[in-house]
Every structure is written in structure tokens, then in C-alpha cells.
Amino acid sequence: MRPLGVTLIGCYQILRGVVGILFGLSLMLFTGLAAKLASLAAEGNATGRFFGGFGHIAGLVIILFAALHLVAGYGVLRMQNWGRLLTLFFSAFGLALLLPVMVVVHGIPLIFGIINAAIIFYLATPAVKRAFHEQHSSLRVAA
């Protein structure tokens, strides 16, 4: 049986992935449009091409990380230890990126920092680690 906290974390990871994919796609779309408008206004200079290419690369990187969030959420919901480890990595990475902002700014970065810290704490507890390992070993016994 999957604990409720694991289900919530898996759904949160999937939500992060979906929002990230939508953000990456919109970034690619709008930077492409903005680059076309800038190149028309500047008669096709290199700056417009640079920003158009940069927006596409940034959008692809965001989509890649969002897809990995989807995979991590799927792994957590399936009680796979690799999903737990991937989620721990992404939460620690997100917390490390948010630490400088959390010191200065209050509000949304602080909320996301607290969520990442809670995920790290919850997934690292011995009971949750044991639940992931028991789920995996019970599948081996059944096979």
C-alpha cells in the first residue's frame, strides 16, 4: 500500500512536469515570435537570430527537465526507488537554486523552498525508504 504522502509527492512531481512542459513550449513559441518581430524591425540583424535561438534552446532545456519530473512522478507513484531518488535529487537541486532568493524575497520562492525541503525530509525518513524497498522486494518474491 502506497502512503498518502508518497501519492501527493508523485502527483506534485507530475504537476511540475506538466507546468514545465507548457512553460517550455510557450517560451519557444513567444521567443520565436519576438525574434521575428525584432528582426523585422531591425532589418534582420544578428541579435534577433541570437535571441530566437536562445529562446528555443532554453525552452528545450525546460521541456527536458519537465519530462524528467514526469518520469520521477511516475516512478514515485509506482513505488520505484529510482523515482524516489530522482525526486530527492530534483528537490535538492530546486532548494539549492531557491536558497539565495529565499533569503531576500518572501512569498512564492519561500513556499516552493518549504515544499522542496518537506519532500526531501519525507522521502528520506526510514519508514518511507523501507516502504519503497519492501514494495520492490515483494515484487521479486511474487515473480
C-alpha atoms as a PDB file:
ATOM      1  CA  MET A   1       0.000   0.000   0.000  1.00  0.00           C
ATOM      2  CA  ARG A   2       1.335   3.373  -1.005  1.00  0.00           C
ATOM      3  CA  PRO A   3       1.448   6.022   1.759  1.00  0.00           C
ATOM      4  CA  LEU A   4      -0.634   9.161   1.183  1.00  0.00           C
ATOM      5  CA  GLY A   5       2.437  11.406   1.298  1.00  0.00           C
ATOM      6  CA  VAL A   6       4.069   9.417  -1.497  1.00  0.00           C
ATOM      7  CA  THR A   7       0.919   9.787  -3.605  1.00  0.00           C
ATOM      8  CA  LEU A   8       0.861  13.547  -3.021  1.00  0.00           C
ATOM      9  CA  ILE A   9       4.552  13.871  -3.909  1.00  0.00           C
ATOM     10  CA  GLY A  10       4.077  11.830  -7.078  1.00  0.00           C
ATOM     11  CA  CYS A  11       1.132  13.980  -8.150  1.00  0.00           C
ATOM     12  CA  TYR A  12       3.120  17.139  -7.344  1.00  0.00           C
ATOM     13  CA  GLN A  13       6.012  15.930  -9.499  1.00  0.00           C
ATOM     14  CA  ILE A  14       3.649  15.202 -12.387  1.00  0.00           C
ATOM     15  CA  LEU A  15       2.053  18.630 -11.976  1.00  0.00           C
ATOM     16  CA  ARG A  16       5.518  20.239 -12.044  1.00  0.00           C
ATOM     17  CA  GLY A  17       6.266  18.320 -15.219  1.00  0.00           C
ATOM     18  CA  VAL A  18       3.068  19.369 -16.968  1.00  0.00           C
ATOM     19  CA  VAL A  19       3.512  23.034 -15.991  1.00  0.00           C
ATOM     20  CA  GLY A  20       7.163  22.887 -17.066  1.00  0.00           C
ATOM     21  CA  ILE A  21       6.298  21.454 -20.480  1.00  0.00           C
ATOM     22  CA  LEU A  22       3.647  24.132 -21.012  1.00  0.00           C
ATOM     23  CA  PHE A  23       6.101  26.841 -19.938  1.00  0.00           C
ATOM     24  CA  GLY A  24       8.846  25.493 -22.201  1.00  0.00           C
ATOM     25  CA  LEU A  25       6.513  25.313 -25.180  1.00  0.00           C
ATOM     26  CA  SER A  26       5.222  28.838 -24.587  1.00  0.00           C
ATOM     27  CA  LEU A  27       8.778  30.121 -24.196  1.00  0.00           C
ATOM     28  CA  MET A  28       9.724  28.579 -27.519  1.00  0.00           C
ATOM     29  CA  LEU A  29       6.633  29.997 -29.206  1.00  0.00           C
ATOM     30  CA  PHE A  30       6.856  33.530 -27.846  1.00  0.00           C
ATOM     31  CA  THR A  31      10.619  33.939 -28.264  1.00  0.00           C
ATOM     32  CA  GLY A  32      10.238  32.790 -31.849  1.00  0.00           C
ATOM     33  CA  LEU A  33       7.545  35.392 -32.442  1.00  0.00           C
ATOM     34  CA  ALA A  34       9.511  38.088 -30.631  1.00  0.00           C
ATOM     35  CA  ALA A  35      12.646  37.274 -32.621  1.00  0.00           C
ATOM     36  CA  LYS A  36      10.714  37.547 -35.883  1.00  0.00           C
ATOM     37  CA  LEU A  37       9.287  40.906 -34.855  1.00  0.00           C
ATOM     38  CA  ALA A  38      12.718  42.147 -33.758  1.00  0.00           C
ATOM     39  CA  SER A  39      14.325  41.000 -36.996  1.00  0.00           C
ATOM     40  CA  LEU A  40      11.645  42.801 -38.990  1.00  0.00           C
ATOM     41  CA  ALA A  41      12.164  45.973 -37.004  1.00  0.00           C
ATOM     42  CA  ALA A  42      15.962  45.797 -37.223  1.00  0.00           C
ATOM     43  CA  GLU A  43      16.022  44.558 -40.800  1.00  0.00           C
ATOM     44  CA  GLY A  44      17.361  41.080 -39.975  1.00  0.00           C
ATOM     45  CA  ASN A  45      20.327  41.722 -37.719  1.00  0.00           C
ATOM     46  CA  ALA A  46      22.137  39.006 -35.762  1.00  0.00           C
ATOM     47  CA  THR A  47      20.642  39.997 -32.400  1.00  0.00           C
ATOM     48  CA  GLY A  48      17.187  38.825 -33.386  1.00  0.00           C
ATOM     49  CA  ARG A  49      18.538  35.479 -34.565  1.00  0.00           C
ATOM     50  CA  PHE A  50      20.532  35.076 -31.339  1.00  0.00           C
ATOM     51  CA  PHE A  51      17.551  35.659 -29.079  1.00  0.00           C
ATOM     52  CA  GLY A  52      15.345  33.412 -31.182  1.00  0.00           C
ATOM     53  CA  GLY A  53      17.889  30.604 -30.944  1.00  0.00           C
ATOM     54  CA  PHE A  54      18.452  31.210 -27.234  1.00  0.00           C
ATOM     55  CA  GLY A  55      14.713  31.037 -26.549  1.00  0.00           C
ATOM     56  CA  HIS A  56      14.419  27.745 -28.410  1.00  0.00           C
ATOM     57  CA  ILE A  57      17.368  26.218 -26.533  1.00  0.00           C
ATOM     58  CA  ALA A  58      16.058  27.446 -23.169  1.00  0.00           C
ATOM     59  CA  GLY A  59      12.606  26.066 -23.993  1.00  0.00           C
ATOM     60  CA  LEU A  60      14.057  22.678 -24.925  1.00  0.00           C
ATOM     61  CA  VAL A  61      16.077  22.512 -21.689  1.00  0.00           C
ATOM     62  CA  ILE A  62      12.979  23.365 -19.659  1.00  0.00           C
ATOM     63  CA  ILE A  63      10.964  20.715 -21.514  1.00  0.00           C
ATOM     64  CA  LEU A  64      13.701  18.141 -20.856  1.00  0.00           C
ATOM     65  CA  PHE A  65      13.697  18.850 -17.118  1.00  0.00           C
ATOM     66  CA  ALA A  66       9.890  18.821 -17.095  1.00  0.00           C
ATOM     67  CA  ALA A  67       9.866  15.417 -18.788  1.00  0.00           C
ATOM     68  CA  LEU A  68      12.256  14.144 -16.120  1.00  0.00           C
ATOM     69  CA  HIS A  69       9.844  15.455 -13.473  1.00  0.00           C
ATOM     70  CA  LEU A  70       7.074  13.462 -15.148  1.00  0.00           C
ATOM     71  CA  VAL A  71       9.258  10.349 -15.103  1.00  0.00           C
ATOM     72  CA  ALA A  72      10.133  10.925 -11.433  1.00  0.00           C
ATOM     73  CA  GLY A  73       6.463  11.352 -10.540  1.00  0.00           C
ATOM     74  CA  TYR A  74       5.591   8.146 -12.368  1.00  0.00           C
ATOM     75  CA  GLY A  75       8.388   6.324 -10.536  1.00  0.00           C
ATOM     76  CA  VAL A  76       7.228   7.598  -7.154  1.00  0.00           C
ATOM     77  CA  LEU A  77       3.626   6.612  -7.845  1.00  0.00           C
ATOM     78  CA  ARG A  78       4.819   3.131  -8.900  1.00  0.00           C
ATOM     79  CA  MET A  79       6.865   2.938  -5.653  1.00  0.00           C
ATOM     80  CA  GLN A  80      10.138   2.578  -7.558  1.00  0.00           C
ATOM     81  CA  ASN A  81      13.249   3.528  -5.608  1.00  0.00           C
ATOM     82  CA  TRP A  82      14.778   5.245  -8.658  1.00  0.00           C
ATOM     83  CA  GLY A  83      11.733   7.549  -8.730  1.00  0.00           C
ATOM     84  CA  ARG A  84      12.282   8.392  -5.071  1.00  0.00           C
ATOM     85  CA  LEU A  85      15.958   9.114  -5.683  1.00  0.00           C
ATOM     86  CA  LEU A  86      15.223  11.218  -8.769  1.00  0.00           C
ATOM     87  CA  THR A  87      12.625  13.194  -6.810  1.00  0.00           C
ATOM     88  CA  LEU A  88      15.105  13.702  -3.976  1.00  0.00           C
ATOM     89  CA  PHE A  89      17.672  14.967  -6.479  1.00  0.00           C
ATOM     90  CA  PHE A  90      15.253  17.403  -8.129  1.00  0.00           C
ATOM     91  CA  SER A  91      14.018  18.687  -4.769  1.00  0.00           C
ATOM     92  CA  ALA A  92      17.565  19.219  -3.510  1.00  0.00           C
ATOM     93  CA  PHE A  93      18.528  20.922  -6.775  1.00  0.00           C
ATOM     94  CA  GLY A  94      15.459  23.161  -6.600  1.00  0.00           C
ATOM     95  CA  LEU A  95      16.143  24.004  -2.968  1.00  0.00           C
ATOM     96  CA  ALA A  96      19.756  24.899  -3.771  1.00  0.00           C
ATOM     97  CA  LEU A  97      18.590  27.195  -6.582  1.00  0.00           C
ATOM     98  CA  LEU A  98      15.987  28.840  -4.353  1.00  0.00           C
ATOM     99  CA  LEU A  99      18.198  29.443  -1.289  1.00  0.00           C
ATOM    100  CA  PRO A 100      19.660  32.765  -2.460  1.00  0.00           C
ATOM    101  CA  VAL A 101      16.210  34.016  -3.457  1.00  0.00           C
ATOM    102  CA  MET A 102      14.522  32.815  -0.248  1.00  0.00           C
ATOM    103  CA  VAL A 103      16.892  34.908   1.875  1.00  0.00           C
ATOM    104  CA  VAL A 104      15.917  38.147   0.137  1.00  0.00           C
ATOM    105  CA  VAL A 105      12.403  37.586  -1.178  1.00  0.00           C
ATOM    106  CA  HIS A 106       9.373  36.336   0.691  1.00  0.00           C
ATOM    107  CA  GLY A 107       6.347  34.673  -0.809  1.00  0.00           C
ATOM    108  CA  ILE A 108       6.309  32.173  -3.654  1.00  0.00           C
ATOM    109  CA  PRO A 109      10.028  31.229  -3.611  1.00  0.00           C
ATOM    110  CA  LEU A 110       9.738  30.644   0.128  1.00  0.00           C
ATOM    111  CA  ILE A 111       6.695  28.395  -0.380  1.00  0.00           C
ATOM    112  CA  PHE A 112       8.481  26.335  -3.063  1.00  0.00           C
ATOM    113  CA  GLY A 113      11.567  26.112  -0.851  1.00  0.00           C
ATOM    114  CA  ILE A 114       9.486  24.796   2.036  1.00  0.00           C
ATOM    115  CA  ILE A 115       7.784  22.279  -0.267  1.00  0.00           C
ATOM    116  CA  ASN A 116      11.164  21.051  -1.571  1.00  0.00           C
ATOM    117  CA  ALA A 117      12.537  20.761   1.967  1.00  0.00           C
ATOM    118  CA  ALA A 118       9.428  18.850   3.093  1.00  0.00           C
ATOM    119  CA  ILE A 119       9.759  16.446   0.153  1.00  0.00           C
ATOM    120  CA  ILE A 120      13.412  15.814   0.982  1.00  0.00           C
ATOM    121  CA  PHE A 121      12.604  15.251   4.641  1.00  0.00           C
ATOM    122  CA  TYR A 122       9.641  12.971   3.947  1.00  0.00           C
ATOM    123  CA  LEU A 123      11.298  10.805   1.290  1.00  0.00           C
ATOM    124  CA  ALA A 124      14.432  10.425   3.425  1.00  0.00           C
ATOM    125  CA  THR A 125      12.596   9.142   6.500  1.00  0.00           C
ATOM    126  CA  PRO A 126      13.327   5.497   7.312  1.00  0.00           C
ATOM    127  CA  ALA A 127       9.672   4.427   7.122  1.00  0.00           C
ATOM    128  CA  VAL A 128       9.245   5.774   3.585  1.00  0.00           C
ATOM    129  CA  LYS A 129      12.589   4.329   2.451  1.00  0.00           C
ATOM    130  CA  ARG A 130      11.520   0.984   3.876  1.00  0.00           C
ATOM    131  CA  ALA A 131       8.148   1.204   2.074  1.00  0.00           C
ATOM    132  CA  PHE A 132       9.928   1.697  -1.248  1.00  0.00           C
ATOM    133  CA  HIS A 133      12.289  -1.197  -0.618  1.00  0.00           C
ATOM    134  CA  GLU A 134       9.531  -3.506   0.667  1.00  0.00           C
ATOM    135  CA  GLN A 135       7.388  -2.802  -2.387  1.00  0.00           C
ATOM    136  CA  HIS A 136      10.317  -3.671  -4.627  1.00  0.00           C
ATOM    137  CA  SER A 137      11.277  -6.852  -2.722  1.00  0.00           C
ATOM    138  CA  SER A 138       7.679  -8.111  -2.576  1.00  0.00           C
ATOM    139  CA  LEU A 139       7.571  -7.929  -6.374  1.00  0.00           C
ATOM    140  CA  ARG A 140      10.701 -10.089  -6.560  1.00  0.00           C
ATOM    141  CA  VAL A 141       9.146 -12.715  -4.280  1.00  0.00           C
ATOM    142  CA  ALA A 142       5.975 -12.779  -6.389  1.00  0.00           C
ATOM    143  CA  ALA A 143       7.968 -13.327  -9.582  1.00  0.00           C
END
